[in-house]
Amino acid sequence: MDQPQLIGFLAGLLQSPEILPYTNLWLELTSVAIREGEPYRTVAAQISDAFLNWIKTSLKSDSASDHAASPAFILTFVEGLILLNAVGKADEAKRALGWALRGK
């Protein structure tokens, strides 16, 4: 998939009822990692690393996604969507997603 397709796919997937409990757990784990440090930080980092590697292998190489930071951008963007939705800012998340998918 190219970058916009992958972002759209992940945005939908990570808000599905089947996956939402896992994204919420990831947020909780990250919060504990911030407060408590190890071993939570290592576990949260391993989850992020696995997700980042999955994004790297799923991203089709083209002019829009050839930049080395593309996978990290996608992970950062999707994590932001998860966070906005978790704090009741679904409308803001939808606006951001729409903006990202239009490429503006």
N, C-alpha and C. Protein backbone atom coordinates (compact mmCIF):
# COMPACT_ATOMS: atom_id res chain seq x y z
N MET A 1 0.84 -1.18 0.00
CA MET A 1 0.00 0.00 0.00
C MET A 1 0.89 1.24 0.00
N ASP A 2 0.37 2.31 -0.60
CA ASP A 2 1.10 3.56 -0.51
C ASP A 2 0.76 4.24 0.83
N GLN A 3 1.43 5.34 1.11
CA GLN A 3 1.28 5.97 2.42
C GLN A 3 -0.17 6.35 2.76
N PRO A 4 -0.91 7.06 1.89
CA PRO A 4 -2.29 7.39 2.23
C PRO A 4 -3.17 6.15 2.42
N GLN A 5 -2.99 5.15 1.57
CA GLN A 5 -3.78 3.92 1.72
C GLN A 5 -3.50 3.24 3.06
N LEU A 6 -2.23 3.17 3.43
CA LEU A 6 -1.86 2.51 4.68
C LEU A 6 -2.39 3.28 5.88
N ILE A 7 -2.31 4.60 5.84
CA ILE A 7 -2.86 5.41 6.93
C ILE A 7 -4.36 5.18 7.05
N GLY A 8 -5.07 5.21 5.92
CA GLY A 8 -6.51 4.98 5.95
C GLY A 8 -6.86 3.60 6.47
N PHE A 9 -6.13 2.60 6.02
CA PHE A 9 -6.36 1.23 6.47
C PHE A 9 -6.16 1.12 7.98
N LEU A 10 -5.03 1.64 8.47
CA LEU A 10 -4.73 1.54 9.90
C LEU A 10 -5.70 2.35 10.75
N ALA A 11 -6.11 3.51 10.27
CA ALA A 11 -7.06 4.33 11.02
C ALA A 11 -8.37 3.57 11.22
N GLY A 12 -8.83 2.90 10.19
CA GLY A 12 -10.06 2.11 10.31
C GLY A 12 -9.87 0.87 11.17
N LEU A 13 -8.77 0.17 10.95
CA LEU A 13 -8.49 -1.05 11.69
C LEU A 13 -8.37 -0.80 13.19
N LEU A 14 -7.63 0.23 13.55
CA LEU A 14 -7.35 0.47 14.97
C LEU A 14 -8.54 1.03 15.74
N GLN A 15 -9.61 1.37 15.04
CA GLN A 15 -10.83 1.79 15.71
C GLN A 15 -11.91 0.71 15.67
N SER A 16 -11.58 -0.43 15.09
CA SER A 16 -12.58 -1.51 15.02
C SER A 16 -12.79 -2.10 16.41
N PRO A 17 -14.00 -2.57 16.70
CA PRO A 17 -14.29 -3.13 18.03
C PRO A 17 -13.39 -4.30 18.41
N GLU A 18 -12.89 -5.03 17.41
CA GLU A 18 -12.02 -6.17 17.70
C GLU A 18 -10.62 -5.73 18.13
N ILE A 19 -10.17 -4.61 17.65
CA ILE A 19 -8.81 -4.14 17.91
C ILE A 19 -8.75 -3.08 19.00
N LEU A 20 -9.83 -2.35 19.21
CA LEU A 20 -9.86 -1.25 20.18
C LEU A 20 -9.38 -1.63 21.57
N PRO A 21 -9.73 -2.81 22.11
CA PRO A 21 -9.20 -3.17 23.43
C PRO A 21 -7.67 -3.22 23.47
N TYR A 22 -7.07 -3.63 22.37
CA TYR A 22 -5.61 -3.71 22.31
C TYR A 22 -4.98 -2.32 22.22
N THR A 23 -5.61 -1.42 21.46
CA THR A 23 -5.07 -0.07 21.39
C THR A 23 -5.20 0.62 22.74
N ASN A 24 -6.31 0.36 23.43
CA ASN A 24 -6.48 0.94 24.77
C ASN A 24 -5.44 0.39 25.74
N LEU A 25 -5.16 -0.89 25.65
CA LEU A 25 -4.13 -1.49 26.50
C LEU A 25 -2.76 -0.89 26.19
N TRP A 26 -2.48 -0.66 24.92
CA TRP A 26 -1.22 -0.04 24.51
C TRP A 26 -1.10 1.36 25.12
N LEU A 27 -2.20 2.12 25.10
CA LEU A 27 -2.17 3.45 25.73
C LEU A 27 -1.92 3.34 27.23
N GLU A 28 -2.59 2.40 27.87
CA GLU A 28 -2.39 2.22 29.31
C GLU A 28 -0.95 1.82 29.62
N LEU A 29 -0.41 0.92 28.86
CA LEU A 29 0.97 0.48 29.05
C LEU A 29 1.95 1.63 28.85
N THR A 30 1.70 2.44 27.84
CA THR A 30 2.55 3.59 27.58
C THR A 30 2.48 4.58 28.74
N SER A 31 1.30 4.79 29.27
CA SER A 31 1.14 5.67 30.42
C SER A 31 1.91 5.17 31.64
N VAL A 32 1.84 3.89 31.90
CA VAL A 32 2.59 3.30 33.01
C VAL A 32 4.09 3.42 32.73
N ALA A 33 4.50 3.23 31.50
CA ALA A 33 5.92 3.35 31.14
C ALA A 33 6.44 4.76 31.42
N ILE A 34 5.61 5.76 31.15
CA ILE A 34 6.00 7.14 31.41
C ILE A 34 6.19 7.37 32.91
N ARG A 35 5.27 6.84 33.71
CA ARG A 35 5.32 7.05 35.16
C ARG A 35 6.33 6.17 35.86
N GLU A 36 6.41 4.91 35.45
CA GLU A 36 7.18 3.91 36.20
C GLU A 36 8.50 3.51 35.55
N GLY A 37 8.67 3.80 34.27
CA GLY A 37 9.91 3.40 33.60
C GLY A 37 9.95 1.91 33.31
N GLU A 38 11.06 1.29 33.64
CA GLU A 38 11.25 -0.14 33.35
C GLU A 38 10.47 -1.01 34.32
N PRO A 39 10.03 -2.17 33.89
CA PRO A 39 10.19 -2.81 32.58
C PRO A 39 9.14 -2.39 31.55
N TYR A 40 8.22 -1.53 31.97
CA TYR A 40 7.11 -1.14 31.10
C TYR A 40 7.58 -0.41 29.84
N ARG A 41 8.61 0.41 29.98
CA ARG A 41 9.13 1.15 28.84
C ARG A 41 9.64 0.18 27.77
N THR A 42 10.35 -0.86 28.18
CA THR A 42 10.88 -1.84 27.23
C THR A 42 9.74 -2.56 26.51
N VAL A 43 8.72 -2.95 27.24
CA VAL A 43 7.58 -3.65 26.63
C VAL A 43 6.85 -2.73 25.66
N ALA A 44 6.60 -1.49 26.06
CA ALA A 44 5.93 -0.53 25.17
C ALA A 44 6.78 -0.28 23.93
N ALA A 45 8.09 -0.18 24.10
CA ALA A 45 8.99 0.02 22.96
C ALA A 45 8.97 -1.19 22.02
N GLN A 46 8.88 -2.39 22.57
CA GLN A 46 8.83 -3.59 21.74
C GLN A 46 7.55 -3.61 20.90
N ILE A 47 6.46 -3.18 21.49
CA ILE A 47 5.20 -3.11 20.74
C ILE A 47 5.33 -2.09 19.61
N SER A 48 5.89 -0.92 19.92
CA SER A 48 6.08 0.11 18.90
C SER A 48 7.03 -0.38 17.81
N ASP A 49 8.10 -1.05 18.19
CA ASP A 49 9.06 -1.57 17.21
C ASP A 49 8.40 -2.58 16.27
N ALA A 50 7.59 -3.47 16.84
CA ALA A 50 6.91 -4.47 16.02
C ALA A 50 5.94 -3.80 15.04
N PHE A 51 5.21 -2.81 15.53
CA PHE A 51 4.27 -2.09 14.68
C PHE A 51 5.02 -1.33 13.59
N LEU A 52 6.12 -0.69 13.94
CA LEU A 52 6.93 0.05 12.98
C LEU A 52 7.49 -0.88 11.91
N ASN A 53 7.96 -2.04 12.31
CA ASN A 53 8.47 -3.02 11.33
C ASN A 53 7.36 -3.50 10.41
N TRP A 54 6.16 -3.70 10.95
CA TRP A 54 5.03 -4.12 10.12
C TRP A 54 4.71 -3.03 9.10
N ILE A 55 4.72 -1.79 9.54
CA ILE A 55 4.46 -0.67 8.63
C ILE A 55 5.51 -0.64 7.53
N LYS A 56 6.79 -0.81 7.89
CA LYS A 56 7.87 -0.80 6.90
C LYS A 56 7.65 -1.86 5.83
N THR A 57 7.23 -3.04 6.24
CA THR A 57 7.05 -4.12 5.26
C THR A 57 5.76 -3.96 4.45
N SER A 58 4.81 -3.21 4.97
CA SER A 58 3.52 -3.02 4.29
C SER A 58 3.51 -1.82 3.37
N LEU A 59 4.47 -0.93 3.53
CA LEU A 59 4.50 0.31 2.77
C LEU A 59 5.12 0.08 1.40
N LYS A 60 4.37 0.40 0.37
CA LYS A 60 4.87 0.29 -1.00
C LYS A 60 5.83 1.44 -1.26
N SER A 61 6.95 1.13 -1.85
CA SER A 61 7.94 2.16 -2.17
C SER A 61 7.50 2.93 -3.40
N ASP A 62 7.31 4.22 -3.22
CA ASP A 62 7.04 5.13 -4.33
C ASP A 62 7.54 6.51 -3.93
N SER A 63 7.34 7.47 -4.77
CA SER A 63 7.90 8.80 -4.49
C SER A 63 7.32 9.41 -3.22
N ALA A 64 6.09 9.09 -2.86
CA ALA A 64 5.47 9.65 -1.66
C ALA A 64 5.95 8.98 -0.39
N SER A 65 6.42 7.73 -0.50
CA SER A 65 6.77 7.01 0.71
C SER A 65 8.23 6.55 0.74
N ASP A 66 9.05 7.03 -0.18
CA ASP A 66 10.46 6.62 -0.21
C ASP A 66 11.26 7.22 0.93
N HIS A 67 10.79 8.28 1.51
CA HIS A 67 11.53 8.92 2.59
C HIS A 67 11.69 7.95 3.76
N ALA A 68 12.87 7.88 4.32
CA ALA A 68 13.17 6.94 5.39
C ALA A 68 12.29 7.16 6.62
N ALA A 69 11.79 8.37 6.81
CA ALA A 69 10.97 8.67 7.98
C ALA A 69 9.50 8.33 7.76
N SER A 70 9.11 7.91 6.58
CA SER A 70 7.71 7.61 6.29
C SER A 70 7.08 6.62 7.29
N PRO A 71 7.70 5.47 7.56
CA PRO A 71 7.09 4.55 8.52
C PRO A 71 6.93 5.18 9.92
N ALA A 72 7.92 5.94 10.36
CA ALA A 72 7.82 6.59 11.67
C ALA A 72 6.71 7.65 11.66
N PHE A 73 6.56 8.36 10.54
CA PHE A 73 5.48 9.33 10.43
C PHE A 73 4.13 8.63 10.55
N ILE A 74 3.97 7.53 9.82
CA ILE A 74 2.70 6.80 9.86
C ILE A 74 2.40 6.32 11.28
N LEU A 75 3.39 5.74 11.94
CA LEU A 75 3.20 5.28 13.32
C LEU A 75 2.82 6.45 14.23
N THR A 76 3.52 7.55 14.11
CA THR A 76 3.24 8.73 14.93
C THR A 76 1.84 9.26 14.67
N PHE A 77 1.47 9.34 13.40
CA PHE A 77 0.15 9.84 13.05
C PHE A 77 -0.96 8.94 13.59
N VAL A 78 -0.80 7.64 13.40
CA VAL A 78 -1.82 6.70 13.85
C VAL A 78 -1.91 6.69 15.39
N GLU A 79 -0.77 6.78 16.07
CA GLU A 79 -0.80 6.86 17.54
C GLU A 79 -1.54 8.12 17.98
N GLY A 80 -1.36 9.22 17.25
CA GLY A 80 -2.08 10.45 17.56
C GLY A 80 -3.58 10.28 17.38
N LEU A 81 -3.99 9.58 16.32
CA LEU A 81 -5.41 9.30 16.13
C LEU A 81 -5.98 8.48 17.28
N ILE A 82 -5.22 7.47 17.71
CA ILE A 82 -5.65 6.63 18.83
C ILE A 82 -5.83 7.49 20.08
N LEU A 83 -4.88 8.35 20.34
CA LEU A 83 -4.93 9.21 21.53
C LEU A 83 -6.11 10.18 21.46
N LEU A 84 -6.30 10.83 20.33
CA LEU A 84 -7.43 11.76 20.19
C LEU A 84 -8.76 11.04 20.41
N ASN A 85 -8.91 9.87 19.83
CA ASN A 85 -10.14 9.12 20.02
C ASN A 85 -10.33 8.70 21.47
N ALA A 86 -9.24 8.32 22.12
CA ALA A 86 -9.33 7.87 23.51
C ALA A 86 -9.76 8.97 24.47
N VAL A 87 -9.44 10.22 24.13
CA VAL A 87 -9.83 11.34 25.02
C VAL A 87 -11.08 12.06 24.52
N GLY A 88 -11.84 11.41 23.65
CA GLY A 88 -13.11 11.96 23.21
C GLY A 88 -13.03 13.02 22.13
N LYS A 89 -11.95 13.03 21.39
CA LYS A 89 -11.76 14.01 20.31
C LYS A 89 -11.86 13.35 18.95
N ALA A 90 -12.88 12.52 18.77
CA ALA A 90 -13.05 11.78 17.51
C ALA A 90 -13.21 12.72 16.32
N ASP A 91 -13.90 13.85 16.51
CA ASP A 91 -14.08 14.78 15.41
C ASP A 91 -12.75 15.37 14.96
N GLU A 92 -11.89 15.69 15.91
CA GLU A 92 -10.56 16.20 15.57
C GLU A 92 -9.74 15.13 14.84
N ALA A 93 -9.85 13.89 15.30
CA ALA A 93 -9.13 12.79 14.66
C ALA A 93 -9.62 12.62 13.22
N LYS A 94 -10.92 12.71 13.00
CA LYS A 94 -11.47 12.58 11.64
C LYS A 94 -10.99 13.70 10.74
N ARG A 95 -10.94 14.92 11.28
CA ARG A 95 -10.44 16.05 10.48
C ARG A 95 -8.98 15.85 10.11
N ALA A 96 -8.18 15.41 11.07
CA ALA A 96 -6.76 15.18 10.81
C ALA A 96 -6.58 14.07 9.78
N LEU A 97 -7.37 13.01 9.91
CA LEU A 97 -7.28 11.91 8.95
C LEU A 97 -7.67 12.38 7.56
N GLY A 98 -8.74 13.13 7.46
CA GLY A 98 -9.15 13.66 6.16
C GLY A 98 -8.07 14.52 5.54
N TRP A 99 -7.43 15.36 6.34
CA TRP A 99 -6.35 16.22 5.86
C TRP A 99 -5.17 15.37 5.36
N ALA A 100 -4.80 14.36 6.14
CA ALA A 100 -3.67 13.49 5.75
C ALA A 100 -3.97 12.71 4.47
N LEU A 101 -5.18 12.26 4.32
CA LEU A 101 -5.51 11.46 3.14
C LEU A 101 -5.62 12.31 1.88
N ARG A 102 -5.91 13.59 2.04
CA ARG A 102 -5.93 14.49 0.88
C ARG A 102 -4.53 14.91 0.48
N GLY A 103 -3.55 14.68 1.37
CA GLY A 103 -2.17 15.02 1.07
C GLY A 103 -1.86 16.50 1.18
N LYS A 104 -2.65 17.18 1.98
CA LYS A 104 -2.44 18.63 2.14
C LYS A 104 -1.92 18.93 3.51
